[in-house]
Amino acid sequence: MIDHLAFTLDVTKKKANDFVDEFVALVGKNAKKEFTIPGLGKFYTAKTKKRNGRNPSTGQAIVIPAKNKVKFRVGKALQDTVFPSK
């Protein structure tokens, strides 16, 4: 992806990598509130419920606590690009 960005935007790989790093940081800073990136999709938070699970190492039953997660919903433009309608 970095190589493609560098070539397409006619910038160095370092600048392309810096752009991607800044984009990820921006998503991280704004993840507490819902926001949309046109053409890409919507980032939002959702609270999961506490649930029962198993420790994969020991097989022991454990309780997985409730927590907040960052979620992403693909936008229609990206969805249609990846899976064009017939």
PDB file of N, CA and C in Angstrom:
ATOM      1  N   MET A   1       0.825  -1.181   0.000  1.00  0.00           N
ATOM      2  CA  MET A   1       0.000   0.000   0.000  1.00  0.00           C
ATOM      3  C   MET A   1       0.873   1.251   0.000  1.00  0.00           C
ATOM      4  N   ILE A   2       1.948   1.235   0.802  1.00  0.00           N
ATOM      5  CA  ILE A   2       2.842   2.391   0.869  1.00  0.00           C
ATOM      6  C   ILE A   2       3.469   2.635  -0.495  1.00  0.00           C
ATOM      7  N   ASP A   3       3.928   1.561  -1.152  1.00  0.00           N
ATOM      8  CA  ASP A   3       4.540   1.695  -2.475  1.00  0.00           C
ATOM      9  C   ASP A   3       3.552   2.294  -3.471  1.00  0.00           C
ATOM     10  N   HIS A   4       2.312   1.821  -3.431  1.00  0.00           N
ATOM     11  CA  HIS A   4       1.285   2.327  -4.352  1.00  0.00           C
ATOM     12  C   HIS A   4       1.010   3.810  -4.106  1.00  0.00           C
ATOM     13  N   LEU A   5       0.854   4.191  -2.837  1.00  0.00           N
ATOM     14  CA  LEU A   5       0.627   5.606  -2.516  1.00  0.00           C
ATOM     15  C   LEU A   5       1.794   6.472  -2.974  1.00  0.00           C
ATOM     16  N   ALA A   6       3.004   6.025  -2.707  1.00  0.00           N
ATOM     17  CA  ALA A   6       4.190   6.793  -3.091  1.00  0.00           C
ATOM     18  C   ALA A   6       4.233   6.987  -4.598  1.00  0.00           C
ATOM     19  N   PHE A   7       3.963   5.934  -5.346  1.00  0.00           N
ATOM     20  CA  PHE A   7       3.995   6.019  -6.804  1.00  0.00           C
ATOM     21  C   PHE A   7       2.869   6.901  -7.334  1.00  0.00           C
ATOM     22  N   THR A   8       1.646   6.660  -6.858  1.00  0.00           N
ATOM     23  CA  THR A   8       0.474   7.390  -7.347  1.00  0.00           C
ATOM     24  C   THR A   8       0.542   8.878  -7.030  1.00  0.00           C
ATOM     25  N   LEU A   9       0.988   9.213  -5.822  1.00  0.00           N
ATOM     26  CA  LEU A   9       1.042  10.615  -5.397  1.00  0.00           C
ATOM     27  C   LEU A   9       2.373  11.281  -5.729  1.00  0.00           C
ATOM     28  N   ASP A  10       3.291  10.514  -6.306  1.00  0.00           N
ATOM     29  CA  ASP A  10       4.616  11.007  -6.674  1.00  0.00           C
ATOM     30  C   ASP A  10       5.329  11.627  -5.470  1.00  0.00           C
ATOM     31  N   VAL A  11       5.370  10.853  -4.382  1.00  0.00           N
ATOM     32  CA  VAL A  11       6.078  11.263  -3.166  1.00  0.00           C
ATOM     33  C   VAL A  11       7.001  10.118  -2.748  1.00  0.00           C
ATOM     34  N   THR A  12       7.853  10.383  -1.788  1.00  0.00           N
ATOM     35  CA  THR A  12       8.746   9.337  -1.293  1.00  0.00           C
ATOM     36  C   THR A  12       7.954   8.323  -0.475  1.00  0.00           C
ATOM     37  N   LYS A  13       8.536   7.143  -0.308  1.00  0.00           N
ATOM     38  CA  LYS A  13       7.891   6.121   0.521  1.00  0.00           C
ATOM     39  C   LYS A  13       7.775   6.604   1.960  1.00  0.00           C
ATOM     40  N   LYS A  14       8.749   7.378   2.407  1.00  0.00           N
ATOM     41  CA  LYS A  14       8.720   7.926   3.770  1.00  0.00           C
ATOM     42  C   LYS A  14       7.505   8.827   3.940  1.00  0.00           C
ATOM     43  N   LYS A  15       7.252   9.711   2.967  1.00  0.00           N
ATOM     44  CA  LYS A  15       6.094  10.611   3.052  1.00  0.00           C
ATOM     45  C   LYS A  15       4.789   9.822   2.988  1.00  0.00           C
ATOM     46  N   ALA A  16       4.734   8.807   2.141  1.00  0.00           N
ATOM     47  CA  ALA A  16       3.532   7.975   2.050  1.00  0.00           C
ATOM     48  C   ALA A  16       3.304   7.243   3.366  1.00  0.00           C
ATOM     49  N   ASN A  17       4.361   6.734   3.962  1.00  0.00           N
ATOM     50  CA  ASN A  17       4.249   6.048   5.247  1.00  0.00           C
ATOM     51  C   ASN A  17       3.813   7.022   6.337  1.00  0.00           C
ATOM     52  N   ASP A  18       4.351   8.247   6.319  1.00  0.00           N
ATOM     53  CA  ASP A  18       3.948   9.273   7.283  1.00  0.00           C
ATOM     54  C   ASP A  18       2.458   9.591   7.146  1.00  0.00           C
ATOM     55  N   PHE A  19       1.963   9.638   5.904  1.00  0.00           N
ATOM     56  CA  PHE A  19       0.543   9.899   5.666  1.00  0.00           C
ATOM     57  C   PHE A  19      -0.313   8.799   6.295  1.00  0.00           C
ATOM     58  N   VAL A  20       0.062   7.546   6.063  1.00  0.00           N
ATOM     59  CA  VAL A  20      -0.704   6.422   6.619  1.00  0.00           C
ATOM     60  C   VAL A  20      -0.659   6.458   8.145  1.00  0.00           C
ATOM     61  N   ASP A  21       0.520   6.721   8.712  1.00  0.00           N
ATOM     62  CA  ASP A  21       0.643   6.810  10.172  1.00  0.00           C
ATOM     63  C   ASP A  21      -0.238   7.915  10.733  1.00  0.00           C
ATOM     64  N   GLU A  22      -0.262   9.065  10.074  1.00  0.00           N
ATOM     65  CA  GLU A  22      -1.081  10.192  10.536  1.00  0.00           C
ATOM     66  C   GLU A  22      -2.568   9.867  10.419  1.00  0.00           C
ATOM     67  N   PHE A  23      -2.950   9.169   9.350  1.00  0.00           N
ATOM     68  CA  PHE A  23      -4.342   8.763   9.168  1.00  0.00           C
ATOM     69  C   PHE A  23      -4.779   7.836  10.303  1.00  0.00           C
ATOM     70  N   VAL A  24      -3.939   6.868  10.638  1.00  0.00           N
ATOM     71  CA  VAL A  24      -4.253   5.935  11.726  1.00  0.00           C
ATOM     72  C   VAL A  24      -4.351   6.688  13.052  1.00  0.00           C
ATOM     73  N   ALA A  25      -3.450   7.637  13.283  1.00  0.00           N
ATOM     74  CA  ALA A  25      -3.490   8.437  14.511  1.00  0.00           C
ATOM     75  C   ALA A  25      -4.768   9.271  14.569  1.00  0.00           C
ATOM     76  N   LEU A  26      -5.172   9.831  13.441  1.00  0.00           N
ATOM     77  CA  LEU A  26      -6.396  10.634  13.379  1.00  0.00           C
ATOM     78  C   LEU A  26      -7.619   9.780  13.698  1.00  0.00           C
ATOM     79  N   VAL A  27      -7.678   8.585  13.154  1.00  0.00           N
ATOM     80  CA  VAL A  27      -8.783   7.672  13.460  1.00  0.00           C
ATOM     81  C   VAL A  27      -8.781   7.359  14.950  1.00  0.00           C
ATOM     82  N   GLY A  28      -7.609   7.103  15.509  1.00  0.00           N
ATOM     83  CA  GLY A  28      -7.506   6.803  16.937  1.00  0.00           C
ATOM     84  C   GLY A  28      -7.977   7.944  17.811  1.00  0.00           C
ATOM     85  N   LYS A  29      -7.629   9.179  17.446  1.00  0.00           N
ATOM     86  CA  LYS A  29      -8.031  10.352  18.236  1.00  0.00           C
ATOM     87  C   LYS A  29      -9.533  10.572  18.189  1.00  0.00           C
ATOM     88  N   ASN A  30     -10.135  10.298  17.041  1.00  0.00           N
ATOM     89  CA  ASN A  30     -11.556  10.585  16.859  1.00  0.00           C
ATOM     90  C   ASN A  30     -12.455   9.377  17.066  1.00  0.00           C
ATOM     91  N   ALA A  31     -11.897   8.256  17.469  1.00  0.00           N
ATOM     92  CA  ALA A  31     -12.675   7.019  17.568  1.00  0.00           C
ATOM     93  C   ALA A  31     -13.722   7.053  18.669  1.00  0.00           C
ATOM     94  N   LYS A  32     -13.586   7.954  19.637  1.00  0.00           N
ATOM     95  CA  LYS A  32     -14.572   8.000  20.722  1.00  0.00           C
ATOM     96  C   LYS A  32     -15.909   8.548  20.257  1.00  0.00           C
ATOM     97  N   LYS A  33     -15.912   9.249  19.149  1.00  0.00           N
ATOM     98  CA  LYS A  33     -17.173   9.744  18.599  1.00  0.00           C
ATOM     99  C   LYS A  33     -17.333   9.177  17.192  1.00  0.00           C
ATOM    100  N   GLU A  34     -18.534   9.113  16.733  1.00  0.00           N
ATOM    101  CA  GLU A  34     -18.814   8.576  15.410  1.00  0.00           C
ATOM    102  C   GLU A  34     -18.360   9.569  14.353  1.00  0.00           C
ATOM    103  N   PHE A  35     -17.691   9.077  13.311  1.00  0.00           N
ATOM    104  CA  PHE A  35     -17.338   9.957  12.204  1.00  0.00           C
ATOM    105  C   PHE A  35     -17.268   9.154  10.911  1.00  0.00           C
ATOM    106  N   THR A  36     -17.500   9.852   9.811  1.00  0.00           N
ATOM    107  CA  THR A  36     -17.556   9.228   8.497  1.00  0.00           C
ATOM    108  C   THR A  36     -16.445   9.775   7.622  1.00  0.00           C
ATOM    109  N   ILE A  37     -15.840   8.894   6.853  1.00  0.00           N
ATOM    110  CA  ILE A  37     -14.888   9.300   5.825  1.00  0.00           C
ATOM    111  C   ILE A  37     -15.578   9.015   4.499  1.00  0.00           C
ATOM    112  N   PRO A  38     -15.962  10.078   3.765  1.00  0.00           N
ATOM    113  CA  PRO A  38     -16.709   9.888   2.522  1.00  0.00           C
ATOM    114  C   PRO A  38     -15.971   8.947   1.562  1.00  0.00           C
ATOM    115  N   GLY A  39     -16.725   8.029   0.977  1.00  0.00           N
ATOM    116  CA  GLY A  39     -16.166   7.075   0.043  1.00  0.00           C
ATOM    117  C   GLY A  39     -15.565   5.848   0.708  1.00  0.00           C
ATOM    118  N   LEU A  40     -15.357   5.900   2.020  1.00  0.00           N
ATOM    119  CA  LEU A  40     -14.738   4.783   2.732  1.00  0.00           C
ATOM    120  C   LEU A  40     -15.741   4.120   3.671  1.00  0.00           C
ATOM    121  N   GLY A  41     -16.246   4.882   4.646  1.00  0.00           N
ATOM    122  CA  GLY A  41     -17.204   4.316   5.586  1.00  0.00           C
ATOM    123  C   GLY A  41     -17.263   5.087   6.878  1.00  0.00           C
ATOM    124  N   LYS A  42     -17.884   4.468   7.883  1.00  0.00           N
ATOM    125  CA  LYS A  42     -18.132   5.123   9.164  1.00  0.00           C
ATOM    126  C   LYS A  42     -17.437   4.367  10.288  1.00  0.00           C
ATOM    127  N   PHE A  43     -16.711   5.106  11.132  1.00  0.00           N
ATOM    128  CA  PHE A  43     -16.116   4.554  12.346  1.00  0.00           C
ATOM    129  C   PHE A  43     -17.021   4.934  13.509  1.00  0.00           C
ATOM    130  N   TYR A  44     -17.246   4.000  14.430  1.00  0.00           N
ATOM    131  CA  TYR A  44     -18.076   4.285  15.595  1.00  0.00           C
ATOM    132  C   TYR A  44     -17.674   3.341  16.723  1.00  0.00           C
ATOM    133  N   THR A  45     -18.142   3.645  17.928  1.00  0.00           N
ATOM    134  CA  THR A  45     -17.853   2.770  19.060  1.00  0.00           C
ATOM    135  C   THR A  45     -19.115   2.002  19.435  1.00  0.00           C
ATOM    136  N   ALA A  46     -18.910   0.824  19.968  1.00  0.00           N
ATOM    137  CA  ALA A  46     -20.018  -0.001  20.439  1.00  0.00           C
ATOM    138  C   ALA A  46     -19.565  -0.707  21.708  1.00  0.00           C
ATOM    139  N   LYS A  47     -20.459  -0.811  22.656  1.00  0.00           N
ATOM    140  CA  LYS A  47     -20.146  -1.489  23.917  1.00  0.00           C
ATOM    141  C   LYS A  47     -20.542  -2.957  23.788  1.00  0.00           C
ATOM    142  N   THR A  48     -19.619  -3.848  24.137  1.00  0.00           N
ATOM    143  CA  THR A  48     -19.938  -5.274  24.132  1.00  0.00           C
ATOM    144  C   THR A  48     -20.430  -5.668  25.518  1.00  0.00           C
ATOM    145  N   LYS A  49     -21.225  -6.708  25.592  1.00  0.00           N
ATOM    146  CA  LYS A  49     -21.708  -7.211  26.875  1.00  0.00           C
ATOM    147  C   LYS A  49     -20.678  -8.167  27.456  1.00  0.00           C
ATOM    148  N   LYS A  50     -20.724  -8.330  28.762  1.00  0.00           N
ATOM    149  CA  LYS A  50     -19.851  -9.341  29.367  1.00  0.00           C
ATOM    150  C   LYS A  50     -20.374 -10.703  28.928  1.00  0.00           C
ATOM    151  N   ARG A  51     -19.444 -11.638  28.766  1.00  0.00           N
ATOM    152  CA  ARG A  51     -19.848 -12.952  28.279  1.00  0.00           C
ATOM    153  C   ARG A  51     -18.918 -14.023  28.828  1.00  0.00           C
ATOM    154  N   ASN A  52     -19.368 -15.238  28.717  1.00  0.00           N
ATOM    155  CA  ASN A  52     -18.559 -16.373  29.148  1.00  0.00           C
ATOM    156  C   ASN A  52     -17.664 -16.815  28.001  1.00  0.00           C
ATOM    157  N   GLY A  53     -16.475 -17.258  28.339  1.00  0.00           N
ATOM    158  CA  GLY A  53     -15.538 -17.743  27.340  1.00  0.00           C
ATOM    159  C   GLY A  53     -14.637 -18.799  27.942  1.00  0.00           C
ATOM    160  N   ARG A  54     -13.618 -19.185  27.199  1.00  0.00           N
ATOM    161  CA  ARG A  54     -12.658 -20.182  27.666  1.00  0.00           C
ATOM    162  C   ARG A  54     -11.252 -19.680  27.412  1.00  0.00           C
ATOM    163  N   ASN A  55     -10.373 -19.928  28.374  1.00  0.00           N
ATOM    164  CA  ASN A  55      -8.960 -19.644  28.194  1.00  0.00           C
ATOM    165  C   ASN A  55      -8.431 -20.664  27.184  1.00  0.00           C
ATOM    166  N   PRO A  56      -7.927 -20.207  26.022  1.00  0.00           N
ATOM    167  CA  PRO A  56      -7.502 -21.166  25.006  1.00  0.00           C
ATOM    168  C   PRO A  56      -6.318 -22.034  25.443  1.00  0.00           C
ATOM    169  N   SER A  57      -5.515 -21.544  26.377  1.00  0.00           N
ATOM    170  CA  SER A  57      -4.349 -22.318  26.835  1.00  0.00           C
ATOM    171  C   SER A  57      -4.738 -23.442  27.785  1.00  0.00           C
ATOM    172  N   THR A  58      -5.652 -23.130  28.701  1.00  0.00           N
ATOM    173  CA  THR A  58      -5.983 -24.097  29.755  1.00  0.00           C
ATOM    174  C   THR A  58      -7.353 -24.736  29.590  1.00  0.00           C
ATOM    175  N   GLY A  59      -8.226 -24.110  28.806  1.00  0.00           N
ATOM    176  CA  GLY A  59      -9.583 -24.615  28.662  1.00  0.00           C
ATOM    177  C   GLY A  59     -10.486 -24.216  29.811  1.00  0.00           C
ATOM    178  N   GLN A  60      -9.950 -23.460  30.772  1.00  0.00           N
ATOM    179  CA  GLN A  60     -10.713 -23.035  31.944  1.00  0.00           C
ATOM    180  C   GLN A  60     -11.771 -22.003  31.542  1.00  0.00           C
ATOM    181  N   ALA A  61     -12.972 -22.118  32.119  1.00  0.00           N
ATOM    182  CA  ALA A  61     -14.043 -21.160  31.869  1.00  0.00           C
ATOM    183  C   ALA A  61     -13.669 -19.822  32.502  1.00  0.00           C
ATOM    184  N   ILE A  62     -13.897 -18.739  31.760  1.00  0.00           N
ATOM    185  CA  ILE A  62     -13.606 -17.391  32.255  1.00  0.00           C
ATOM    186  C   ILE A  62     -14.757 -16.467  31.881  1.00  0.00           C
ATOM    187  N   VAL A  63     -14.820 -15.326  32.556  1.00  0.00           N
ATOM    188  CA  VAL A  63     -15.793 -14.290  32.208  1.00  0.00           C
ATOM    189  C   VAL A  63     -15.036 -13.198  31.465  1.00  0.00           C
ATOM    190  N   ILE A  64     -15.477 -12.895  30.255  1.00  0.00           N
ATOM    191  CA  ILE A  64     -14.880 -11.828  29.458  1.00  0.00           C
ATOM    192  C   ILE A  64     -15.662 -10.560  29.774  1.00  0.00           C
ATOM    193  N   PRO A  65     -15.006  -9.533  30.334  1.00  0.00           N
ATOM    194  CA  PRO A  65     -15.733  -8.339  30.766  1.00  0.00           C
ATOM    195  C   PRO A  65     -16.272  -7.517  29.593  1.00  0.00           C
ATOM    196  N   ALA A  66     -17.281  -6.699  29.893  1.00  0.00           N
ATOM    197  CA  ALA A  66     -17.821  -5.768  28.904  1.00  0.00           C
ATOM    198  C   ALA A  66     -16.745  -4.743  28.579  1.00  0.00           C
ATOM    199  N   LYS A  67     -16.736  -4.268  27.334  1.00  0.00           N
ATOM    200  CA  LYS A  67     -15.760  -3.250  26.950  1.00  0.00           C
ATOM    201  C   LYS A  67     -16.259  -2.487  25.734  1.00  0.00           C
ATOM    202  N   ASN A  68     -15.613  -1.374  25.470  1.00  0.00           N
ATOM    203  CA  ASN A  68     -15.914  -0.584  24.283  1.00  0.00           C
ATOM    204  C   ASN A  68     -15.000  -1.025  23.151  1.00  0.00           C
ATOM    205  N   LYS A  69     -15.546  -1.074  21.937  1.00  0.00           N
ATOM    206  CA  LYS A  69     -14.774  -1.457  20.762  1.00  0.00           C
ATOM    207  C   LYS A  69     -14.977  -0.417  19.676  1.00  0.00           C
ATOM    208  N   VAL A  70     -13.960  -0.231  18.863  1.00  0.00           N
ATOM    209  CA  VAL A  70     -14.090   0.608  17.676  1.00  0.00           C
ATOM    210  C   VAL A  70     -14.579  -0.296  16.558  1.00  0.00           C
ATOM    211  N   LYS A  71     -15.624   0.145  15.881  1.00  0.00           N
ATOM    212  CA  LYS A  71     -16.176  -0.635  14.779  1.00  0.00           C
ATOM    213  C   LYS A  71     -16.158   0.210  13.516  1.00  0.00           C
ATOM    214  N   PHE A  72     -16.292  -0.462  12.385  1.00  0.00           N
ATOM    215  CA  PHE A  72     -16.269   0.210  11.090  1.00  0.00           C
ATOM    216  C   PHE A  72     -17.369  -0.363  10.220  1.00  0.00           C
ATOM    217  N   ARG A  73     -18.140   0.516   9.621  1.00  0.00           N
ATOM    218  CA  ARG A  73     -19.173   0.099   8.676  1.00  0.00           C
ATOM    219  C   ARG A  73     -18.763   0.604   7.291  1.00  0.00           C
ATOM    220  N   VAL A  74     -18.628  -0.316   6.358  1.00  0.00           N
ATOM    221  CA  VAL A  74     -18.189   0.023   5.006  1.00  0.00           C
ATOM    222  C   VAL A  74     -19.232   0.897   4.330  1.00  0.00           C
ATOM    223  N   GLY A  75     -18.772   1.956   3.660  1.00  0.00           N
ATOM    224  CA  GLY A  75     -19.660   2.847   2.924  1.00  0.00           C
ATOM    225  C   GLY A  75     -20.118   2.214   1.618  1.00  0.00           C
ATOM    226  N   LYS A  76     -21.202   2.724   1.078  1.00  0.00           N
ATOM    227  CA  LYS A  76     -21.776   2.168  -0.141  1.00  0.00           C
ATOM    228  C   LYS A  76     -20.805   2.247  -1.311  1.00  0.00           C
ATOM    229  N   ALA A  77     -20.082   3.354  -1.450  1.00  0.00           N
ATOM    230  CA  ALA A  77     -19.152   3.509  -2.572  1.00  0.00           C
ATOM    231  C   ALA A  77     -18.073   2.429  -2.545  1.00  0.00           C
ATOM    232  N   LEU A  78     -17.500   2.176  -1.379  1.00  0.00           N
ATOM    233  CA  LEU A  78     -16.474   1.137  -1.260  1.00  0.00           C
ATOM    234  C   LEU A  78     -17.084  -0.243  -1.458  1.00  0.00           C
ATOM    235  N   GLN A  79     -18.249  -0.463  -0.899  1.00  0.00           N
ATOM    236  CA  GLN A  79     -18.943  -1.749  -1.052  1.00  0.00           C
ATOM    237  C   GLN A  79     -19.191  -2.044  -2.528  1.00  0.00           C
ATOM    238  N   ASP A  80     -19.653  -1.037  -3.277  1.00  0.00           N
ATOM    239  CA  ASP A  80     -19.930  -1.228  -4.701  1.00  0.00           C
ATOM    240  C   ASP A  80     -18.654  -1.427  -5.513  1.00  0.00           C
ATOM    241  N   THR A  81     -17.541  -0.849  -5.058  1.00  0.00           N
ATOM    242  CA  THR A  81     -16.264  -1.041  -5.744  1.00  0.00           C
ATOM    243  C   THR A  81     -15.760  -2.465  -5.549  1.00  0.00           C
ATOM    244  N   VAL A  82     -15.857  -2.956  -4.323  1.00  0.00           N
ATOM    245  CA  VAL A  82     -15.363  -4.298  -4.014  1.00  0.00           C
ATOM    246  C   VAL A  82     -16.300  -5.367  -4.564  1.00  0.00           C
ATOM    247  N   PHE A  83     -17.597  -5.168  -4.396  1.00  0.00           N
ATOM    248  CA  PHE A  83     -18.600  -6.132  -4.849  1.00  0.00           C
ATOM    249  C   PHE A  83     -19.602  -5.428  -5.758  1.00  0.00           C
ATOM    250  N   PRO A  84     -19.263  -5.251  -7.044  1.00  0.00           N
ATOM    251  CA  PRO A  84     -20.198  -4.563  -7.943  1.00  0.00           C
ATOM    252  C   PRO A  84     -21.503  -5.343  -8.089  1.00  0.00           C
ATOM    253  N   SER A  85     -22.605  -4.601  -8.166  1.00  0.00           N
ATOM    254  CA  SER A  85     -23.901  -5.270  -8.342  1.00  0.00           C
ATOM    255  C   SER A  85     -23.985  -5.806  -9.766  1.00  0.00           C
ATOM    256  N   LYS A  86     -24.716  -6.893  -9.893  1.00  0.00           N
ATOM    257  CA  LYS A  86     -24.790  -7.574 -11.197  1.00  0.00           C
ATOM    258  C   LYS A  86     -25.769  -6.936 -12.122  1.00  0.00           C
TER     259      LYS A  86
END
